[in-house]
């Protein structure tokens, strides 16, 4: 039981890391798209501290 519990924890941690990486990639993609449109400064005005 302990082994399977630890395995589940590892899988859950990896899934969390993958989800985090996908979120970062999504933010970077949308940010680069806004850069192309020229609206980066206004977009980053309220979110710069979060990113």
N, C-alpha and C. Protein backbone atom coordinates (compact mmCIF):
# COMPACT_ATOMS: atom_id res chain seq x y z
N UNK A 1 0.84 -1.21 0.00
CA UNK A 1 0.00 0.00 0.00
C UNK A 1 0.87 1.25 0.00
N UNK A 2 1.95 1.22 0.80
CA UNK A 2 2.80 2.40 0.84
C UNK A 2 3.45 2.65 -0.52
N UNK A 3 3.87 1.57 -1.17
CA UNK A 3 4.51 1.73 -2.47
C UNK A 3 3.57 2.35 -3.49
N UNK A 4 2.32 1.86 -3.55
CA UNK A 4 1.37 2.42 -4.51
C UNK A 4 1.02 3.85 -4.14
N UNK A 5 0.97 4.15 -2.85
CA UNK A 5 0.68 5.52 -2.43
C UNK A 5 1.78 6.46 -2.87
N UNK A 6 3.02 6.03 -2.71
CA UNK A 6 4.14 6.87 -3.13
C UNK A 6 4.13 7.02 -4.64
N UNK A 7 3.80 5.93 -5.35
CA UNK A 7 3.74 6.00 -6.81
C UNK A 7 2.67 6.99 -7.26
N UNK A 8 1.51 6.95 -6.60
CA UNK A 8 0.45 7.89 -6.95
C UNK A 8 0.89 9.32 -6.69
N UNK A 9 1.63 9.52 -5.61
CA UNK A 9 2.10 10.86 -5.28
C UNK A 9 3.08 11.35 -6.36
N UNK A 10 3.95 10.46 -6.83
CA UNK A 10 4.91 10.84 -7.87
C UNK A 10 4.16 11.19 -9.15
N UNK A 11 3.17 10.37 -9.52
CA UNK A 11 2.39 10.64 -10.73
C UNK A 11 1.66 11.97 -10.60
N UNK A 12 1.08 12.20 -9.43
CA UNK A 12 0.35 13.45 -9.21
C UNK A 12 1.28 14.65 -9.31
N UNK A 13 2.48 14.50 -8.75
CA UNK A 13 3.46 15.59 -8.82
C UNK A 13 3.87 15.86 -10.25
N UNK A 14 4.11 14.80 -11.02
CA UNK A 14 4.50 14.97 -12.42
C UNK A 14 3.39 15.62 -13.22
N UNK A 15 2.14 15.21 -12.97
CA UNK A 15 1.01 15.81 -13.67
C UNK A 15 0.90 17.29 -13.34
N UNK A 16 1.15 17.63 -12.07
CA UNK A 16 1.10 19.04 -11.66
C UNK A 16 2.19 19.83 -12.38
N UNK A 17 3.40 19.26 -12.47
CA UNK A 17 4.50 19.95 -13.14
C UNK A 17 4.18 20.14 -14.62
N UNK A 18 3.62 19.09 -15.25
CA UNK A 18 3.28 19.19 -16.68
C UNK A 18 2.21 20.25 -16.88
N UNK A 19 1.22 20.28 -16.00
CA UNK A 19 0.16 21.28 -16.11
C UNK A 19 0.73 22.68 -15.96
N UNK A 20 1.68 22.83 -15.03
CA UNK A 20 2.31 24.12 -14.83
C UNK A 20 3.10 24.55 -16.06
N UNK A 21 3.82 23.60 -16.67
CA UNK A 21 4.59 23.93 -17.87
C UNK A 21 3.66 24.33 -19.01
N UNK A 22 2.54 23.61 -19.16
CA UNK A 22 1.58 23.95 -20.21
C UNK A 22 1.02 25.34 -19.98
N UNK A 23 0.75 25.67 -18.71
CA UNK A 23 0.21 27.00 -18.40
C UNK A 23 1.23 28.08 -18.76
N UNK A 24 2.51 27.83 -18.43
CA UNK A 24 3.56 28.80 -18.76
C UNK A 24 3.67 28.97 -20.27
N UNK A 25 3.62 27.84 -20.98
CA UNK A 25 3.72 27.92 -22.44
C UNK A 25 2.53 28.69 -23.02
N UNK A 26 1.34 28.45 -22.47
CA UNK A 26 0.15 29.15 -22.96
C UNK A 26 0.28 30.65 -22.72
N UNK A 27 0.79 31.03 -21.54
CA UNK A 27 0.97 32.45 -21.23
C UNK A 27 1.99 33.07 -22.18
N UNK A 28 3.09 32.36 -22.41
CA UNK A 28 4.13 32.89 -23.30
C UNK A 28 3.61 33.01 -24.72
N UNK A 29 2.82 32.04 -25.16
CA UNK A 29 2.28 32.08 -26.51
C UNK A 29 1.34 33.26 -26.68
N UNK A 30 0.43 33.44 -25.71
CA UNK A 30 -0.51 34.55 -25.79
C UNK A 30 0.23 35.88 -25.67
N UNK A 31 1.30 35.91 -24.85
CA UNK A 31 2.07 37.14 -24.69
C UNK A 31 2.77 37.49 -26.00
N UNK A 32 3.35 36.49 -26.66
CA UNK A 32 4.04 36.77 -27.92
C UNK A 32 3.05 37.21 -28.99
N UNK A 33 1.82 36.66 -28.95
CA UNK A 33 0.80 37.08 -29.90
C UNK A 33 0.42 38.54 -29.66
N UNK A 34 0.33 38.92 -28.38
CA UNK A 34 0.00 40.31 -28.07
C UNK A 34 1.15 41.22 -28.49
N UNK A 35 2.38 40.68 -28.38
CA UNK A 35 3.55 41.45 -28.81
C UNK A 35 3.42 41.77 -30.30
N UNK A 36 3.02 40.76 -31.07
CA UNK A 36 2.88 40.96 -32.51
C UNK A 36 1.81 42.01 -32.81
N UNK A 37 0.77 42.06 -31.98
CA UNK A 37 -0.31 43.01 -32.20
C UNK A 37 0.04 44.39 -31.66
N UNK A 38 1.11 44.48 -30.85
CA UNK A 38 1.53 45.76 -30.35
C UNK A 38 0.82 46.18 -29.07
N UNK A 39 0.09 45.27 -28.46
CA UNK A 39 -0.63 45.63 -27.24
C UNK A 39 0.00 45.06 -25.99
N UNK A 40 1.30 44.82 -26.04
CA UNK A 40 1.98 44.15 -24.92
C UNK A 40 2.01 45.02 -23.67
N UNK A 41 2.35 46.29 -23.83
CA UNK A 41 2.50 47.16 -22.66
C UNK A 41 1.20 47.25 -21.88
N UNK A 42 0.09 47.45 -22.57
CA UNK A 42 -1.19 47.58 -21.87
C UNK A 42 -1.58 46.23 -21.26
N UNK A 43 -1.23 45.13 -21.92
CA UNK A 43 -1.58 43.81 -21.41
C UNK A 43 -0.76 43.47 -20.16
N UNK A 44 0.52 43.87 -20.17
CA UNK A 44 1.39 43.55 -19.05
C UNK A 44 1.21 44.52 -17.88
N UNK A 45 0.49 45.60 -18.12
CA UNK A 45 0.33 46.60 -17.07
C UNK A 45 -0.17 46.02 -15.76
N UNK A 46 -1.16 45.12 -15.82
CA UNK A 46 -1.73 44.59 -14.59
C UNK A 46 -1.26 43.20 -14.24
N UNK A 47 -0.53 42.52 -15.14
CA UNK A 47 -0.16 41.13 -14.90
C UNK A 47 1.34 40.94 -14.76
N UNK A 48 2.12 42.01 -14.88
CA UNK A 48 3.57 41.85 -14.85
C UNK A 48 4.03 41.25 -13.53
N UNK A 49 3.41 41.66 -12.41
CA UNK A 49 3.81 41.15 -11.12
C UNK A 49 3.47 39.68 -10.96
N UNK A 50 2.37 39.24 -11.59
CA UNK A 50 1.94 37.85 -11.45
C UNK A 50 2.88 36.94 -12.23
N UNK A 51 3.21 37.33 -13.44
CA UNK A 51 4.08 36.50 -14.27
C UNK A 51 5.49 36.56 -13.71
